C-alpha atoms as a PDB file:
ATOM      1  CA  MET A   1      76.614 156.228  19.098  1.00  0.00           C
ATOM      2  CA  ALA A   2      75.585 158.720  22.006  1.00  0.00           C
ATOM      3  CA  PRO A   3      77.704 159.259  24.344  1.00  0.00           C
ATOM      4  CA  HIS A   4      75.297 158.241  27.487  1.00  0.00           C
ATOM      5  CA  ILE A   5      74.527 154.797  25.256  1.00  0.00           C
ATOM      6  CA  SER A   6      77.967 154.013  24.908  1.00  0.00           C
ATOM      7  CA  SER A   7      78.387 154.764  29.063  1.00  0.00           C
ATOM      8  CA  TRP A   8      75.743 152.539  29.890  1.00  0.00           C
ATOM      9  CA  LEU A   9      76.819 149.495  28.005  1.00  0.00           C
ATOM     10  CA  ALA A  10      79.987 150.038  29.271  1.00  0.00           C
ATOM     11  CA  THR A  11      78.786 150.117  32.726  1.00  0.00           C
ATOM     12  CA  GLY A  12      76.629 146.978  31.869  1.00  0.00           C
ATOM     13  CA  ARG A  13      79.056 144.925  30.635  1.00  0.00           C
ATOM     14  CA  LEU A  14      80.928 146.137  33.773  1.00  0.00           C
ATOM     15  CA  VAL A  15      78.236 145.218  36.085  1.00  0.00           C
ATOM     16  CA  SER A  16      78.112 141.344  33.974  1.00  0.00           C
ATOM     17  CA  SER A  17      81.602 141.055  34.211  1.00  0.00           C
ATOM     18  CA  ALA A  18      81.894 141.825  37.977  1.00  0.00           C
ATOM     19  CA  LEU A  19      78.877 139.324  38.472  1.00  0.00           C
ATOM     20  CA  CYS A  20      80.270 136.403  36.815  1.00  0.00           C
ATOM     21  CA  VAL A  21      83.815 136.912  38.461  1.00  0.00           C
ATOM     22  CA  ALA A  22      81.271 137.038  42.039  1.00  0.00           C
ATOM     23  CA  GLU A  23      79.558 133.845  40.655  1.00  0.00           C
ATOM     24  CA  ARG A  24      83.199 132.284  39.884  1.00  0.00           C
ATOM     25  CA  PHE A  25      84.568 132.895  43.715  1.00  0.00           C
ATOM     26  CA  ARG A  26      81.052 131.517  45.019  1.00  0.00           C
ATOM     27  CA  LYS A  27      81.718 128.573  43.329  1.00  0.00           C
ATOM     28  CA  ASP A  28      85.024 127.836  44.142  1.00  0.00           C
ATOM     29  CA  ARG A  29      85.611 125.249  46.599  1.00  0.00           C
ATOM     30  CA  SER A  30      89.138 124.485  45.806  1.00  0.00           C
ATOM     31  CA  GLY A  31      90.605 125.950  49.131  1.00  0.00           C
ATOM     32  CA  THR A  32      87.491 125.196  51.552  1.00  0.00           C
ATOM     33  CA  VAL A  33      89.229 121.941  53.054  1.00  0.00           C
ATOM     34  CA  ALA A  34      93.045 123.666  53.318  1.00  0.00           C
ATOM     35  CA  LEU A  35      91.139 126.615  55.236  1.00  0.00           C
ATOM     36  CA  LEU A  36      89.133 124.397  56.858  1.00  0.00           C
ATOM     37  CA  PHE A  37      91.859 122.020  58.114  1.00  0.00           C
ATOM     38  CA  GLY A  38      94.160 124.958  59.274  1.00  0.00           C
ATOM     39  CA  LEU A  39      91.092 126.527  61.446  1.00  0.00           C
ATOM     40  CA  THR A  40      90.340 122.954  63.303  1.00  0.00           C
ATOM     41  CA  LEU A  41      94.329 121.912  63.551  1.00  0.00           C
ATOM     42  CA  ILE A  42      95.161 124.322  66.578  1.00  0.00           C
ATOM     43  CA  PRO A  43      92.320 122.622  68.750  1.00  0.00           C
ATOM     44  CA  ILE A  44      93.143 119.048  67.713  1.00  0.00           C
ATOM     45  CA  ILE A  45      96.363 119.664  68.609  1.00  0.00           C
ATOM     46  CA  LEU A  46      95.170 120.799  71.858  1.00  0.00           C
ATOM     47  CA  ALA A  47      93.138 118.016  72.240  1.00  0.00           C
ATOM     48  CA  VAL A  48      95.694 115.670  71.618  1.00  0.00           C
ATOM     49  CA  GLY A  49      98.453 117.605  73.558  1.00  0.00           C
ATOM     50  CA  GLY A  50      96.032 117.628  76.853  1.00  0.00           C
ATOM     51  CA  ALA A  51      95.565 113.380  76.407  1.00  0.00           C
ATOM     52  CA  ILE A  52      99.303 113.144  76.223  1.00  0.00           C
ATOM     53  CA  ASP A  53      99.995 115.423  79.072  1.00  0.00           C
ATOM     54  CA  TYR A  54      97.126 113.913  81.604  1.00  0.00           C
ATOM     55  CA  ALA A  55      98.252 110.598  80.318  1.00  0.00           C
ATOM     56  CA  ASN A  56     101.739 111.366  81.997  1.00  0.00           C
ATOM     57  CA  ALA A  57     100.136 112.848  84.845  1.00  0.00           C
ATOM     58  CA  ASN A  58      98.402 109.639  85.256  1.00  0.00           C
ATOM     59  CA  HIS A  59     100.872 107.160  84.698  1.00  0.00           C
ATOM     60  CA  MET A  60     103.434 109.413  87.208  1.00  0.00           C
ATOM     61  CA  ARG A  61     100.476 109.392  89.908  1.00  0.00           C
ATOM     62  CA  ALA A  62     100.829 105.556  89.069  1.00  0.00           C
ATOM     63  CA  LYS A  63     104.130 105.153  89.658  1.00  0.00           C
ATOM     64  CA  LEU A  64     104.345 107.464  93.091  1.00  0.00           C
ATOM     65  CA  GLN A  65     101.200 105.803  94.760  1.00  0.00           C
ATOM     66  CA  ASN A  66     103.059 102.399  93.751  1.00  0.00           C
ATOM     67  CA  ALA A  67     106.115 103.598  95.093  1.00  0.00           C
ATOM     68  CA  LEU A  68     104.935 105.667  98.146  1.00  0.00           C
ATOM     69  CA  ASP A  69     103.059 101.898  99.306  1.00  0.00           C
ATOM     70  CA  SER A  70     106.097  99.807  99.128  1.00  0.00           C
ATOM     71  CA  ALA A  71     107.808 102.514 101.364  1.00  0.00           C
ATOM     72  CA  ALA A  72     104.999 102.973 103.598  1.00  0.00           C
ATOM     73  CA  PHE A  73     105.365  99.097 104.006  1.00  0.00           C
ATOM     74  CA  ALA A  74     109.103  99.219 104.714  1.00  0.00           C
ATOM     75  CA  VAL A  75     108.524 101.874 107.346  1.00  0.00           C
ATOM     76  CA  GLY A  76     106.064  99.676 108.938  1.00  0.00           C
ATOM     77  CA  ARG A  77     108.497  97.311 109.064  1.00  0.00           C
ATOM     78  CA  GLU A  78     110.892  98.958 110.506  1.00  0.00           C
ATOM     79  CA  VAL A  79     108.427 100.327 113.282  1.00  0.00           C
ATOM     80  CA  VAL A  80     107.564  96.882 114.508  1.00  0.00           C
ATOM     81  CA  GLY A  81     111.226  95.798 114.515  1.00  0.00           C
ATOM     82  CA  GLY A  82     111.654  98.763 117.130  1.00  0.00           C
ATOM     83  CA  THR A  83     113.482 101.375 114.846  1.00  0.00           C
ATOM     84  CA  ASP A  84     113.157 105.258 116.022  1.00  0.00           C
ATOM     85  CA  ALA A  85     110.424 107.208 113.919  1.00  0.00           C
ATOM     86  CA  GLY A  86     113.265 109.470 112.477  1.00  0.00           C
ATOM     87  CA  ALA A  87     115.721 106.601 111.133  1.00  0.00           C
ATOM     88  CA  ALA A  88     112.478 104.311 109.604  1.00  0.00           C
ATOM     89  CA  ARG A  89     111.284 107.622 107.846  1.00  0.00           C
ATOM     90  CA  GLN A  90     114.556 107.582 106.605  1.00  0.00           C
ATOM     91  CA  VAL A  91     114.302 103.512 105.420  1.00  0.00           C
ATOM     92  CA  GLY A  92     111.202 105.061 103.658  1.00  0.00           C
ATOM     93  CA  MET A  93     112.854 107.661 101.993  1.00  0.00           C
ATOM     94  CA  ASP A  94     115.777 105.188 100.955  1.00  0.00           C
ATOM     95  CA  ILE A  95     112.660 103.154  99.527  1.00  0.00           C
ATOM     96  CA  LEU A  96     111.090 105.714  97.600  1.00  0.00           C
ATOM     97  CA  ILE A  97     113.281 106.961  95.863  1.00  0.00           C
ATOM     98  CA  ALA A  98     114.789 103.627  94.677  1.00  0.00           C
ATOM     99  CA  ASN A  99     111.225 102.758  93.500  1.00  0.00           C
ATOM    100  CA  LEU A 100     110.944 105.824  91.352  1.00  0.00           C
ATOM    101  CA  GLY A 101     114.163 105.742  89.693  1.00  0.00           C
ATOM    102  CA  PRO A 102     116.413 108.208  88.134  1.00  0.00           C
ATOM    103  CA  GLY A 103     114.446 109.780  85.284  1.00  0.00           C
ATOM    104  CA  PHE A 104     111.523 110.792  88.066  1.00  0.00           C
ATOM    105  CA  PRO A 105     111.170 114.440  88.472  1.00  0.00           C
ATOM    106  CA  SER A 106     113.024 115.145  91.994  1.00  0.00           C
ATOM    107  CA  ASP A 107     110.510 118.887  93.110  1.00  0.00           C
ATOM    108  CA  TYR A 108     107.977 116.102  95.439  1.00  0.00           C
ATOM    109  CA  ALA A 109     107.166 115.792  98.630  1.00  0.00           C
ATOM    110  CA  VAL A 110     106.859 112.897 101.159  1.00  0.00           C
ATOM    111  CA  ASN A 111     105.881 112.519 104.299  1.00  0.00           C
ATOM    112  CA  PHE A 112     105.565 109.938 106.816  1.00  0.00           C
ATOM    113  CA  ALA A 113     103.411 110.101 109.819  1.00  0.00           C
ATOM    114  CA  ILE A 114     103.638 107.505 112.276  1.00  0.00           C
ATOM    115  CA  ASP A 115     101.217 107.100 115.377  1.00  0.00           C
ATOM    116  CA  GLY A 116     102.250 104.113 117.681  1.00  0.00           C
ATOM    117  CA  THR A 117     102.460 100.647 114.428  1.00  0.00           C
ATOM    118  CA  ARG A 118     100.278 102.550 111.690  1.00  0.00           C
ATOM    119  CA  VAL A 119     101.956 104.581 109.128  1.00  0.00           C
ATOM    120  CA  THR A 120     100.172 106.872 107.075  1.00  0.00           C
ATOM    121  CA  GLY A 121     102.177 108.344 103.680  1.00  0.00           C
ATOM    122  CA  THR A 122     101.548 111.172 101.925  1.00  0.00           C
ATOM    123  CA  ALA A 123     103.750 112.171  98.694  1.00  0.00           C
ATOM    124  CA  SER A 124     102.482 115.144  96.256  1.00  0.00           C
ATOM    125  CA  LEU A 125     104.316 116.150  92.853  1.00  0.00           C
ATOM    126  CA  ASN A 126     103.769 119.173  90.138  1.00  0.00           C
ATOM    127  CA  VAL A 127     104.114 117.002  86.474  1.00  0.00           C
ATOM    128  CA  PRO A 128     105.150 119.292  84.052  1.00  0.00           C
ATOM    129  CA  THR A 129     103.192 119.337  80.936  1.00  0.00           C
ATOM    130  CA  TYR A 130     104.294 119.040  77.554  1.00  0.00           C
ATOM    131  CA  LEU A 131     101.808 120.782  75.543  1.00  0.00           C
ATOM    132  CA  LEU A 132      98.840 122.472  77.410  1.00  0.00           C
ATOM    133  CA  GLY A 133     101.598 125.113  78.477  1.00  0.00           C
ATOM    134  CA  ILE A 134     100.715 126.847  75.396  1.00  0.00           C
ATOM    135  CA  ILE A 135      97.541 127.658  76.848  1.00  0.00           C
ATOM    136  CA  GLY A 136      98.755 128.050  80.284  1.00  0.00           C
ATOM    137  CA  LYS A 137      98.495 124.873  82.090  1.00  0.00           C
ATOM    138  CA  ASP A 138     102.326 124.391  82.887  1.00  0.00           C
ATOM    139  CA  HIS A 139     101.588 121.502  84.894  1.00  0.00           C
ATOM    140  CA  PHE A 140      99.521 118.824  86.769  1.00  0.00           C
ATOM    141  CA  ASN A 141      99.341 118.735  90.902  1.00  0.00           C
ATOM    142  CA  ILE A 142      98.933 114.981  91.252  1.00  0.00           C
ATOM    143  CA  GLY A 143      99.037 113.143  94.827  1.00  0.00           C
ATOM    144  CA  ALA A 144      98.984 109.813  96.695  1.00  0.00           C
ATOM    145  CA  THR A 145      98.424 108.711 100.077  1.00  0.00           C
ATOM    146  CA  THR A 146      98.438 105.281 101.588  1.00  0.00           C
ATOM    147  CA  THR A 147      98.120 104.057 105.045  1.00  0.00           C
ATOM    148  CA  VAL A 148     100.085 100.866 106.575  1.00  0.00           C
ATOM    149  CA  ASN A 149      98.862  99.401 110.263  1.00  0.00           C
ATOM    150  CA  ALA A 150     101.681  97.310 110.759  1.00  0.00           C
ATOM    151  CA  SER A 151     101.991  94.452 113.059  1.00  0.00           C
ATOM    152  CA  ARG A 152     104.030  91.656 114.006  1.00  0.00           C
END
């Protein structure tokens, strides 16, 4: 056989073999599900983590609002009863702390503004996140406000 014919046949077999391997690779779907699952796992974890962090922040906001409402009522009761503003604010803080409980974060800010028998309570808190810190969201700022018009 002539040398140029044998090289042509070898090249033809090589091309045929490469096409066969490429066709098998194109039809093989066994790793596709694992690859797609791996690619979608990160956004799914972030979405679930965001929902958990948001629910936790909303729970903390509701707890802070309820405690602030109770504390403002107590301040209003003290003011109407003749207690001075400083002592009334301290009663409000004591009620607030008791209602929040020992597991509540302690880095909140609270203010009771007293104008006659009108008490306005404001509170704010940075609620730390559990999973959203991965994308740089390490806390939610939450706040609560309430106004009490106390009377005898």
